[in-house]
C-alpha atoms as a PDB file:
ATOM      1  CA  MET A   1     106.491 131.382  65.774  1.00  0.00           C
ATOM      2  CA  ALA A   2     104.506 131.183  69.052  1.00  0.00           C
ATOM      3  CA  GLN A   3     105.868 133.048  72.045  1.00  0.00           C
ATOM      4  CA  ILE A   4     108.066 130.857  74.245  1.00  0.00           C
ATOM      5  CA  ASP A   5     107.015 130.498  77.893  1.00  0.00           C
ATOM      6  CA  TYR A   6     110.482 130.363  79.422  1.00  0.00           C
ATOM      7  CA  GLY A   7     109.082 130.162  82.961  1.00  0.00           C
ATOM      8  CA  ALA A   8     107.064 127.031  82.196  1.00  0.00           C
ATOM      9  CA  LEU A   9     110.011 125.437  80.412  1.00  0.00           C
ATOM     10  CA  LYS A  10     112.344 126.127  83.325  1.00  0.00           C
ATOM     11  CA  LYS A  11     109.811 124.647  85.731  1.00  0.00           C
ATOM     12  CA  GLY A  12     109.871 121.516  83.587  1.00  0.00           C
ATOM     13  CA  GLY A  13     113.648 121.203  83.577  1.00  0.00           C
ATOM     14  CA  PHE A  14     114.493 123.080  80.357  1.00  0.00           C
ATOM     15  CA  MET A  15     117.099 125.699  81.237  1.00  0.00           C
ATOM     16  CA  ARG A  16     117.688 128.470  78.746  1.00  0.00           C
ATOM     17  CA  GLN A  17     121.152 128.494  77.186  1.00  0.00           C
ATOM     18  CA  LYS A  18     123.144 131.491  75.993  1.00  0.00           C
ATOM     19  CA  GLN A  19     122.605 130.204  72.446  1.00  0.00           C
ATOM     20  CA  LYS A  20     119.261 131.510  71.220  1.00  0.00           C
ATOM     21  CA  GLY A  21     116.547 128.867  70.941  1.00  0.00           C
ATOM     22  CA  TYR A  22     118.508 126.183  72.804  1.00  0.00           C
ATOM     23  CA  PHE A  23     118.013 124.625  76.211  1.00  0.00           C
ATOM     24  CA  SER A  24     119.914 122.336  78.538  1.00  0.00           C
ATOM     25  CA  LEU A  25     117.462 119.725  79.774  1.00  0.00           C
ATOM     26  CA  ARG A  26     117.799 118.651  83.384  1.00  0.00           C
ATOM     27  CA  LEU A  27     116.550 115.112  84.026  1.00  0.00           C
ATOM     28  CA  GLN A  28     114.967 113.626  87.121  1.00  0.00           C
ATOM     29  CA  VAL A  29     117.466 111.325  88.830  1.00  0.00           C
ATOM     30  CA  VAL A  30     116.604 109.825  92.221  1.00  0.00           C
ATOM     31  CA  GLY A  31     119.364 108.863  94.618  1.00  0.00           C
ATOM     32  CA  GLY A  32     121.983 108.888  91.857  1.00  0.00           C
ATOM     33  CA  ASN A  33     120.579 105.765  90.175  1.00  0.00           C
ATOM     34  CA  LEU A  34     119.731 105.254  86.498  1.00  0.00           C
ATOM     35  CA  THR A  35     118.860 101.953  84.851  1.00  0.00           C
ATOM     36  CA  ALA A  36     120.581 100.732  81.703  1.00  0.00           C
ATOM     37  CA  GLU A  37     117.308 101.440  79.869  1.00  0.00           C
ATOM     38  CA  ASN A  38     117.338 105.015  81.172  1.00  0.00           C
ATOM     39  CA  ILE A  39     120.929 105.531  80.047  1.00  0.00           C
ATOM     40  CA  LYS A  40     120.243 104.189  76.546  1.00  0.00           C
ATOM     41  CA  ALA A  41     117.319 106.596  76.108  1.00  0.00           C
ATOM     42  CA  ILE A  42     119.391 109.526  77.358  1.00  0.00           C
ATOM     43  CA  ALA A  43     122.252 108.642  75.009  1.00  0.00           C
ATOM     44  CA  GLU A  44     119.903 108.393  72.040  1.00  0.00           C
ATOM     45  CA  VAL A  45     118.364 111.787  72.768  1.00  0.00           C
ATOM     46  CA  ALA A  46     121.796 113.372  73.211  1.00  0.00           C
ATOM     47  CA  GLU A  47     122.935 111.961  69.873  1.00  0.00           C
ATOM     48  CA  THR A  48     119.741 112.735  67.944  1.00  0.00           C
ATOM     49  CA  TYR A  49     118.709 116.085  69.398  1.00  0.00           C
ATOM     50  CA  GLY A  50     121.751 117.389  71.264  1.00  0.00           C
ATOM     51  CA  LYS A  51     125.464 117.374  70.533  1.00  0.00           C
ATOM     52  CA  GLY A  52     126.208 113.804  71.517  1.00  0.00           C
ATOM     53  CA  TYR A  53     127.158 114.340  75.156  1.00  0.00           C
ATOM     54  CA  VAL A  54     125.564 114.869  78.569  1.00  0.00           C
ATOM     55  CA  HIS A  55     126.656 116.933  81.540  1.00  0.00           C
ATOM     56  CA  MET A  56     126.873 115.322  85.000  1.00  0.00           C
ATOM     57  CA  THR A  57     126.018 117.916  87.631  1.00  0.00           C
ATOM     58  CA  SER A  58     127.498 118.240  91.106  1.00  0.00           C
ATOM     59  CA  ARG A  59     124.237 116.886  92.617  1.00  0.00           C
ATOM     60  CA  GLN A  60     124.010 113.565  90.753  1.00  0.00           C
ATOM     61  CA  GLY A  61     121.977 115.166  87.993  1.00  0.00           C
ATOM     62  CA  VAL A  62     122.156 114.588  84.256  1.00  0.00           C
ATOM     63  CA  GLU A  63     121.649 117.419  81.779  1.00  0.00           C
ATOM     64  CA  ILE A  64     121.403 117.204  77.983  1.00  0.00           C
ATOM     65  CA  PRO A  65     122.594 120.479  76.432  1.00  0.00           C
ATOM     66  CA  PHE A  66     121.652 121.923  73.031  1.00  0.00           C
ATOM     67  CA  ILE A  67     118.039 120.832  72.844  1.00  0.00           C
ATOM     68  CA  HIS A  68     116.311 123.123  70.347  1.00  0.00           C
ATOM     69  CA  VAL A  69     112.958 124.592  71.285  1.00  0.00           C
ATOM     70  CA  GLU A  70     111.318 122.944  68.270  1.00  0.00           C
ATOM     71  CA  ASP A  71     112.440 119.489  69.458  1.00  0.00           C
ATOM     72  CA  ILE A  72     111.213 119.707  73.034  1.00  0.00           C
ATOM     73  CA  GLU A  73     108.079 117.582  72.659  1.00  0.00           C
ATOM     74  CA  ALA A  74     109.916 114.947  70.620  1.00  0.00           C
ATOM     75  CA  VAL A  75     112.642 114.818  73.252  1.00  0.00           C
ATOM     76  CA  LYS A  76     110.169 114.332  76.089  1.00  0.00           C
ATOM     77  CA  ALA A  77     108.406 111.547  74.181  1.00  0.00           C
ATOM     78  CA  LYS A  78     111.659 109.722  73.395  1.00  0.00           C
ATOM     79  CA  LEU A  79     112.842 109.968  77.002  1.00  0.00           C
ATOM     80  CA  ALA A  80     109.491 108.692  78.270  1.00  0.00           C
ATOM     81  CA  GLU A  81     109.965 105.545  76.174  1.00  0.00           C
ATOM     82  CA  GLY A  82     113.055 104.817  78.276  1.00  0.00           C
ATOM     83  CA  GLY A  83     111.396 105.656  81.586  1.00  0.00           C
ATOM     84  CA  VAL A  84     113.124 109.021  81.927  1.00  0.00           C
ATOM     85  CA  LYS A  85     111.374 112.168  83.156  1.00  0.00           C
ATOM     86  CA  PRO A  86     112.451 115.809  82.942  1.00  0.00           C
ATOM     87  CA  GLY A  87     113.623 117.294  86.221  1.00  0.00           C
ATOM     88  CA  VAL A  88     112.776 120.652  87.771  1.00  0.00           C
ATOM     89  CA  CYS A  89     114.454 124.012  88.254  1.00  0.00           C
ATOM     90  CA  GLY A  90     113.445 127.153  90.084  1.00  0.00           C
ATOM     91  CA  PRO A  91     111.739 127.536  93.488  1.00  0.00           C
ATOM     92  CA  ARG A  92     110.771 123.978  94.319  1.00  0.00           C
ATOM     93  CA  VAL A  93     112.126 120.752  95.823  1.00  0.00           C
ATOM     94  CA  ARG A  94     115.023 119.552  93.714  1.00  0.00           C
ATOM     95  CA  THR A  95     116.722 116.213  93.032  1.00  0.00           C
ATOM     96  CA  VAL A  96     117.090 114.001  96.116  1.00  0.00           C
ATOM     97  CA  THR A  97     120.702 112.839  96.237  1.00  0.00           C
ATOM     98  CA  ALA A  98     122.015 109.686  97.922  1.00  0.00           C
ATOM     99  CA  CYS A  99     125.122 107.544  98.240  1.00  0.00           C
ATOM    100  CA  GLN A 100     124.870 103.773  97.751  1.00  0.00           C
ATOM    101  CA  GLY A 101     124.192 103.115 101.422  1.00  0.00           C
ATOM    102  CA  SER A 102     123.956  99.830 103.293  1.00  0.00           C
ATOM    103  CA  ASP A 103     122.787  97.805 100.276  1.00  0.00           C
ATOM    104  CA  ILE A 104     126.214  98.212  98.657  1.00  0.00           C
ATOM    105  CA  CYS A 105     128.672  99.963 100.964  1.00  0.00           C
ATOM    106  CA  PRO A 106     130.195  98.092 103.958  1.00  0.00           C
ATOM    107  CA  SER A 107     130.157 101.341 105.950  1.00  0.00           C
ATOM    108  CA  GLY A 108     126.485 102.105 105.331  1.00  0.00           C
ATOM    109  CA  CYS A 109     124.116 102.242 108.291  1.00  0.00           C
ATOM    110  CA  ILE A 110     120.869 102.888 106.370  1.00  0.00           C
ATOM    111  CA  ASP A 111     119.245 101.998 103.050  1.00  0.00           C
ATOM    112  CA  THR A 112     119.817 105.343 101.373  1.00  0.00           C
ATOM    113  CA  TYR A 113     118.257 104.637  97.975  1.00  0.00           C
ATOM    114  CA  SER A 114     114.906 103.449  99.325  1.00  0.00           C
ATOM    115  CA  LEU A 115     114.769 106.526 101.548  1.00  0.00           C
ATOM    116  CA  ALA A 116     115.682 108.799  98.623  1.00  0.00           C
ATOM    117  CA  LYS A 117     112.828 107.321  96.589  1.00  0.00           C
ATOM    118  CA  GLU A 118     110.369 107.922  99.424  1.00  0.00           C
ATOM    119  CA  LEU A 119     111.553 111.512  99.857  1.00  0.00           C
ATOM    120  CA  ASP A 120     111.275 112.027  96.102  1.00  0.00           C
ATOM    121  CA  GLN A 121     107.719 110.696  96.031  1.00  0.00           C
ATOM    122  CA  ARG A 122     106.782 112.842  99.019  1.00  0.00           C
ATOM    123  CA  TYR A 123     108.373 116.150  98.051  1.00  0.00           C
ATOM    124  CA  PHE A 124     109.911 116.327  94.557  1.00  0.00           C
ATOM    125  CA  GLY A 125     108.769 119.364  92.594  1.00  0.00           C
ATOM    126  CA  ARG A 126     106.840 120.893  95.501  1.00  0.00           C
ATOM    127  CA  GLU A 127     106.413 124.639  94.998  1.00  0.00           C
ATOM    128  CA  LEU A 128     108.292 126.697  97.605  1.00  0.00           C
ATOM    129  CA  PRO A 129     109.619 130.253  98.068  1.00  0.00           C
ATOM    130  CA  HIS A 130     113.034 129.092  96.821  1.00  0.00           C
ATOM    131  CA  LYS A 131     114.813 125.869  95.900  1.00  0.00           C
ATOM    132  CA  PHE A 132     115.041 123.202  98.572  1.00  0.00           C
ATOM    133  CA  LYS A 133     117.481 120.297  98.635  1.00  0.00           C
ATOM    134  CA  PHE A 134     117.531 116.918 100.363  1.00  0.00           C
ATOM    135  CA  GLY A 135     120.667 114.787 100.613  1.00  0.00           C
ATOM    136  CA  VAL A 136     120.952 111.285 102.090  1.00  0.00           C
ATOM    137  CA  THR A 137     124.266 109.756 103.125  1.00  0.00           C
ATOM    138  CA  GLY A 138     124.748 106.322 104.636  1.00  0.00           C
ATOM    139  CA  CYS A 139     127.269 106.919 107.416  1.00  0.00           C
ATOM    140  CA  GLN A 140     129.708 109.303 109.052  1.00  0.00           C
ATOM    141  CA  ASN A 141     132.019 109.080 106.032  1.00  0.00           C
ATOM    142  CA  ASN A 142     129.454 111.557 104.691  1.00  0.00           C
ATOM    143  CA  CYS A 143     130.100 111.002 100.980  1.00  0.00           C
ATOM    144  CA  LEU A 144     126.989 113.036 100.113  1.00  0.00           C
ATOM    145  CA  LYS A 145     127.971 115.910 102.448  1.00  0.00           C
ATOM    146  CA  ALA A 146     124.586 115.893 104.153  1.00  0.00           C
ATOM    147  CA  GLU A 147     125.123 119.194 105.976  1.00  0.00           C
ATOM    148  CA  GLU A 148     125.310 121.099 102.665  1.00  0.00           C
ATOM    149  CA  ASN A 149     121.600 120.456 102.103  1.00  0.00           C
ATOM    150  CA  ASP A 150     118.539 122.273 103.383  1.00  0.00           C
ATOM    151  CA  VAL A 151     117.688 118.960 105.022  1.00  0.00           C
ATOM    152  CA  GLY A 152     120.468 116.405 105.270  1.00  0.00           C
ATOM    153  CA  ILE A 153     119.967 112.833 106.466  1.00  0.00           C
ATOM    154  CA  LYS A 154     122.900 110.734 107.639  1.00  0.00           C
ATOM    155  CA  GLY A 155     122.881 107.101 108.702  1.00  0.00           C
ATOM    156  CA  GLY A 156     123.968 106.328 112.243  1.00  0.00           C
ATOM    157  CA  MET A 157     123.802 103.637 114.929  1.00  0.00           C
ATOM    158  CA  GLU A 158     122.991 103.649 118.591  1.00  0.00           C
ATOM    159  CA  VAL A 159     125.459 101.096 119.967  1.00  0.00           C
ATOM    160  CA  SER A 160     125.659  98.928 123.065  1.00  0.00           C
ATOM    161  CA  TRP A 161     128.259  96.461 124.353  1.00  0.00           C
ATOM    162  CA  VAL A 162     127.244  92.874 125.145  1.00  0.00           C
ATOM    163  CA  ALA A 163     129.708  91.662 127.784  1.00  0.00           C
ATOM    164  CA  ASP A 164     129.156  87.925 127.510  1.00  0.00           C
ATOM    165  CA  LYS A 165     129.955  87.924 123.792  1.00  0.00           C
ATOM    166  CA  CYS A 166     133.203  89.886 124.138  1.00  0.00           C
ATOM    167  CA  ILE A 167     136.605  88.187 123.837  1.00  0.00           C
ATOM    168  CA  HIS A 168     138.479  91.423 124.675  1.00  0.00           C
ATOM    169  CA  CYS A 169     140.427  91.444 121.417  1.00  0.00           C
ATOM    170  CA  GLY A 170     140.581  95.233 121.237  1.00  0.00           C
ATOM    171  CA  VAL A 171     139.460  95.447 117.603  1.00  0.00           C
ATOM    172  CA  CYS A 172     136.655  97.878 118.425  1.00  0.00           C
ATOM    173  CA  GLU A 173     139.039 100.236 120.222  1.00  0.00           C
ATOM    174  CA  LYS A 174     141.292 100.308 117.166  1.00  0.00           C
ATOM    175  CA  ALA A 175     138.316 100.775 114.809  1.00  0.00           C
ATOM    176  CA  CYS A 176     136.925 103.784 116.703  1.00  0.00           C
ATOM    177  CA  ARG A 177     138.166 107.002 115.152  1.00  0.00           C
ATOM    178  CA  GLU A 178     136.926 109.211 117.988  1.00  0.00           C
ATOM    179  CA  ASP A 179     138.774 107.541 120.895  1.00  0.00           C
ATOM    180  CA  ALA A 180     135.362 106.782 122.400  1.00  0.00           C
ATOM    181  CA  ILE A 181     136.117 103.141 123.263  1.00  0.00           C
ATOM    182  CA  ARG A 182     138.636 101.849 125.814  1.00  0.00           C
ATOM    183  CA  CYS A 183     139.311  98.155 126.423  1.00  0.00           C
ATOM    184  CA  THR A 184     140.650  97.359 129.892  1.00  0.00           C
ATOM    185  CA  GLY A 185     141.041  93.603 129.434  1.00  0.00           C
ATOM    186  CA  THR A 186     138.019  92.846 131.606  1.00  0.00           C
ATOM    187  CA  GLU A 187     135.487  95.339 130.273  1.00  0.00           C
ATOM    188  CA  VAL A 188     134.910  97.749 127.411  1.00  0.00           C
ATOM    189  CA  LEU A 189     134.109 101.361 128.222  1.00  0.00           C
ATOM    190  CA  LEU A 190     132.199 103.698 125.882  1.00  0.00           C
ATOM    191  CA  THR A 191     132.451 107.463 126.327  1.00  0.00           C
ATOM    192  CA  LYS A 192     129.078 108.456 124.917  1.00  0.00           C
ATOM    193  CA  ASP A 193     129.809 112.148 124.454  1.00  0.00           C
ATOM    194  CA  LYS A 194     132.676 111.199 122.117  1.00  0.00           C
ATOM    195  CA  CYS A 195     130.666 108.638 120.138  1.00  0.00           C
ATOM    196  CA  THR A 196     129.514 109.865 116.726  1.00  0.00           C
ATOM    197  CA  GLN A 197     127.207 106.853 116.228  1.00  0.00           C
ATOM    198  CA  CYS A 198     129.201 105.750 113.195  1.00  0.00           C
ATOM    199  CA  GLY A 199     128.751 102.034 113.924  1.00  0.00           C
ATOM    200  CA  ARG A 200     132.365 101.096 113.188  1.00  0.00           C
ATOM    201  CA  CYS A 201     132.549  99.130 116.452  1.00  0.00           C
ATOM    202  CA  VAL A 202     129.519  97.066 115.420  1.00  0.00           C
ATOM    203  CA  LYS A 203     130.870  96.382 111.946  1.00  0.00           C
ATOM    204  CA  SER A 204     134.397  95.485 113.136  1.00  0.00           C
ATOM    205  CA  CYS A 205     133.576  93.194 116.078  1.00  0.00           C
ATOM    206  CA  PRO A 206     134.341  89.524 115.228  1.00  0.00           C
ATOM    207  CA  THR A 207     131.963  88.124 117.882  1.00  0.00           C
ATOM    208  CA  ASP A 208     128.987  90.526 117.616  1.00  0.00           C
ATOM    209  CA  ALA A 209     129.739  91.891 121.077  1.00  0.00           C
ATOM    210  CA  TRP A 210     128.599  95.300 119.851  1.00  0.00           C
ATOM    211  CA  GLU A 211     124.978  95.671 118.844  1.00  0.00           C
ATOM    212  CA  GLY A 212     123.717  98.599 116.819  1.00  0.00           C
ATOM    213  CA  LYS A 213     120.271 100.035 116.184  1.00  0.00           C
ATOM    214  CA  GLY A 214     120.312 102.009 112.934  1.00  0.00           C
ATOM    215  CA  GLY A 215     118.684 105.368 112.430  1.00  0.00           C
ATOM    216  CA  TYR A 216     118.774 108.836 110.939  1.00  0.00           C
ATOM    217  CA  LEU A 217     120.797 111.884 111.972  1.00  0.00           C
ATOM    218  CA  VAL A 218     119.085 114.943 110.505  1.00  0.00           C
ATOM    219  CA  SER A 219     120.648 118.347 109.848  1.00  0.00           C
ATOM    220  CA  PHE A 220     118.788 121.510 108.917  1.00  0.00           C
ATOM    221  CA  GLY A 221     119.604 124.697 107.050  1.00  0.00           C
ATOM    222  CA  GLY A 222     122.702 123.789 105.079  1.00  0.00           C
ATOM    223  CA  LEU A 223     123.748 126.222 102.371  1.00  0.00           C
ATOM    224  CA  PHE A 224     126.564 125.921  99.857  1.00  0.00           C
ATOM    225  CA  GLY A 225     126.452 128.663  97.259  1.00  0.00           C
ATOM    226  CA  ASN A 226     127.229 132.360  97.402  1.00  0.00           C
ATOM    227  CA  LYS A 227     126.988 131.925 101.155  1.00  0.00           C
ATOM    228  CA  ILE A 228     128.122 128.816 102.991  1.00  0.00           C
ATOM    229  CA  TYR A 229     126.608 127.411 106.158  1.00  0.00           C
ATOM    230  CA  LYS A 230     126.830 123.939 107.673  1.00  0.00           C
ATOM    231  CA  GLY A 231     123.438 122.463 108.516  1.00  0.00           C
ATOM    232  CA  GLU A 232     122.816 121.849 112.218  1.00  0.00           C
ATOM    233  CA  GLN A 233     121.714 118.654 113.926  1.00  0.00           C
ATOM    234  CA  ILE A 234     119.194 119.563 116.634  1.00  0.00           C
ATOM    235  CA  LEU A 235     117.632 116.157 117.341  1.00  0.00           C
ATOM    236  CA  PRO A 236     118.972 112.829 118.601  1.00  0.00           C
ATOM    237  CA  LEU A 237     119.165 109.792 116.344  1.00  0.00           C
ATOM    238  CA  ILE A 238     115.752 109.021 114.833  1.00  0.00           C
ATOM    239  CA  HIS A 239     115.025 105.302 114.577  1.00  0.00           C
ATOM    240  CA  ASP A 240     111.813 105.145 112.524  1.00  0.00           C
ATOM    241  CA  LYS A 241     110.627 106.657 109.252  1.00  0.00           C
ATOM    242  CA  GLU A 242     107.315 107.800 110.684  1.00  0.00           C
ATOM    243  CA  THR A 243     109.138 110.164 113.036  1.00  0.00           C
ATOM    244  CA  LEU A 244     111.618 111.112 110.336  1.00  0.00           C
ATOM    245  CA  PHE A 245     108.863 112.176 107.943  1.00  0.00           C
ATOM    246  CA  ARG A 246     107.050 114.130 110.657  1.00  0.00           C
ATOM    247  CA  VAL A 247     110.281 116.044 111.168  1.00  0.00           C
ATOM    248  CA  THR A 248     110.936 116.645 107.453  1.00  0.00           C
ATOM    249  CA  ASP A 249     107.288 117.665 106.954  1.00  0.00           C
ATOM    250  CA  ALA A 250     107.663 120.176 109.784  1.00  0.00           C
ATOM    251  CA  ALA A 251     110.876 121.618 108.338  1.00  0.00           C
ATOM    252  CA  ILE A 252     109.562 122.108 104.831  1.00  0.00           C
ATOM    253  CA  SER A 253     106.236 123.487 106.106  1.00  0.00           C
ATOM    254  CA  TYR A 254     108.071 126.026 108.266  1.00  0.00           C
ATOM    255  CA  PHE A 255     110.022 127.168 105.226  1.00  0.00           C
ATOM    256  CA  GLN A 256     106.906 127.389 103.060  1.00  0.00           C
ATOM    257  CA  GLU A 257     104.993 129.374 105.673  1.00  0.00           C
ATOM    258  CA  ASN A 258     107.738 131.790 106.730  1.00  0.00           C
ATOM    259  CA  ALA A 259     110.219 132.370 103.891  1.00  0.00           C
ATOM    260  CA  ASN A 260     110.164 135.397 101.654  1.00  0.00           C
ATOM    261  CA  ALA A 261     110.146 134.797  97.908  1.00  0.00           C
ATOM    262  CA  GLY A 262     113.694 134.093  96.729  1.00  0.00           C
ATOM    263  CA  GLU A 263     114.987 133.413 100.257  1.00  0.00           C
ATOM    264  CA  ARG A 264     116.857 130.205 101.053  1.00  0.00           C
ATOM    265  CA  PHE A 265     115.966 128.174 104.134  1.00  0.00           C
ATOM    266  CA  ARG A 266     119.109 129.124 106.068  1.00  0.00           C
ATOM    267  CA  LEU A 267     118.494 132.813 105.455  1.00  0.00           C
ATOM    268  CA  THR A 268     114.909 132.461 106.683  1.00  0.00           C
ATOM    269  CA  LEU A 269     116.180 130.911 109.904  1.00  0.00           C
ATOM    270  CA  GLN A 270     118.733 133.668 110.332  1.00  0.00           C
ATOM    271  CA  ARG A 271     116.167 136.403 109.695  1.00  0.00           C
ATOM    272  CA  LEU A 272     113.560 135.045 112.116  1.00  0.00           C
ATOM    273  CA  GLY A 273     115.837 133.453 114.670  1.00  0.00           C
ATOM    274  CA  GLU A 274     115.908 129.710 115.169  1.00  0.00           C
ATOM    275  CA  GLU A 275     114.032 129.190 118.443  1.00  0.00           C
ATOM    276  CA  LYS A 276     110.522 128.874 116.936  1.00  0.00           C
ATOM    277  CA  PHE A 277     111.832 126.526 114.265  1.00  0.00           C
ATOM    278  CA  ARG A 278     113.559 124.386 116.873  1.00  0.00           C
ATOM    279  CA  GLU A 279     110.326 124.254 118.875  1.00  0.00           C
ATOM    280  CA  LYS A 280     108.371 123.099 115.828  1.00  0.00           C
ATOM    281  CA  ILE A 281     110.955 120.425 114.999  1.00  0.00           C
ATOM    282  CA  ARG A 282     111.085 119.130 118.568  1.00  0.00           C
ATOM    283  CA  ALA A 283     107.286 119.014 118.713  1.00  0.00           C
ATOM    284  CA  ALA A 284     107.194 116.958 115.507  1.00  0.00           C
ATOM    285  CA  TYR A 285     109.870 114.642 116.876  1.00  0.00           C
ATOM    286  CA  GLU A 286     108.054 114.113 120.185  1.00  0.00           C
ATOM    287  CA  GLU A 287     104.547 113.753 118.751  1.00  0.00           C
END
């Protein structure tokens, strides 16, 4: 039997199991979405080559355990027929996670799935000193826990009150969870340093007296493993994807250029100090 290249298999999503000769295959899932065709192919592979079940990971991934080394090529071919690709493991950009966002969720401020697909096309599988994770969540409800990721993207809104549309019903004041809005009966006051840009005032107003401009709140350096650290937001709301991608390019390039092998992004920032990173991010934002 030919020698098994475990490193190459792991890079291609085949993770070695404790059972000799068997692998758990991680699949590429973008933004948590799979088509019915994808699911049928995965089920058929699990039944034919695995043990008839799949494992759903904590990051919207799907893994098929008990794939024997001799069946690997057949498994990849069968999955390809259903439009399914193996994922990646090891030191590279991992699965891009996303909630359902504004296309489905009433609370959503951004189209999370389209953004997840663009991030996946731009970065997925990129070789880095260690694993790197993107997470996209649609609003301040933060279902995807954006700050746990190396780069987290959260939907937000920059809001403004339109006086001549307001009927002073007080709905926005009740909808605001941060006590940032006060209705006096003749005007509506917004305390900006309390506003989290959640957009609840915009979504609740019956007369469109609140207008909102959607955008992206980006956090950097989240870590949720043996060590836990909440990613930090160091930029204001970003309104356009061109700026967003300049910023994410800058973050991942900084990690690639400065991290030691086997060092997570947060630990790189802690080792070097964050000022140079913040300067690079601000420069990308202002470009």
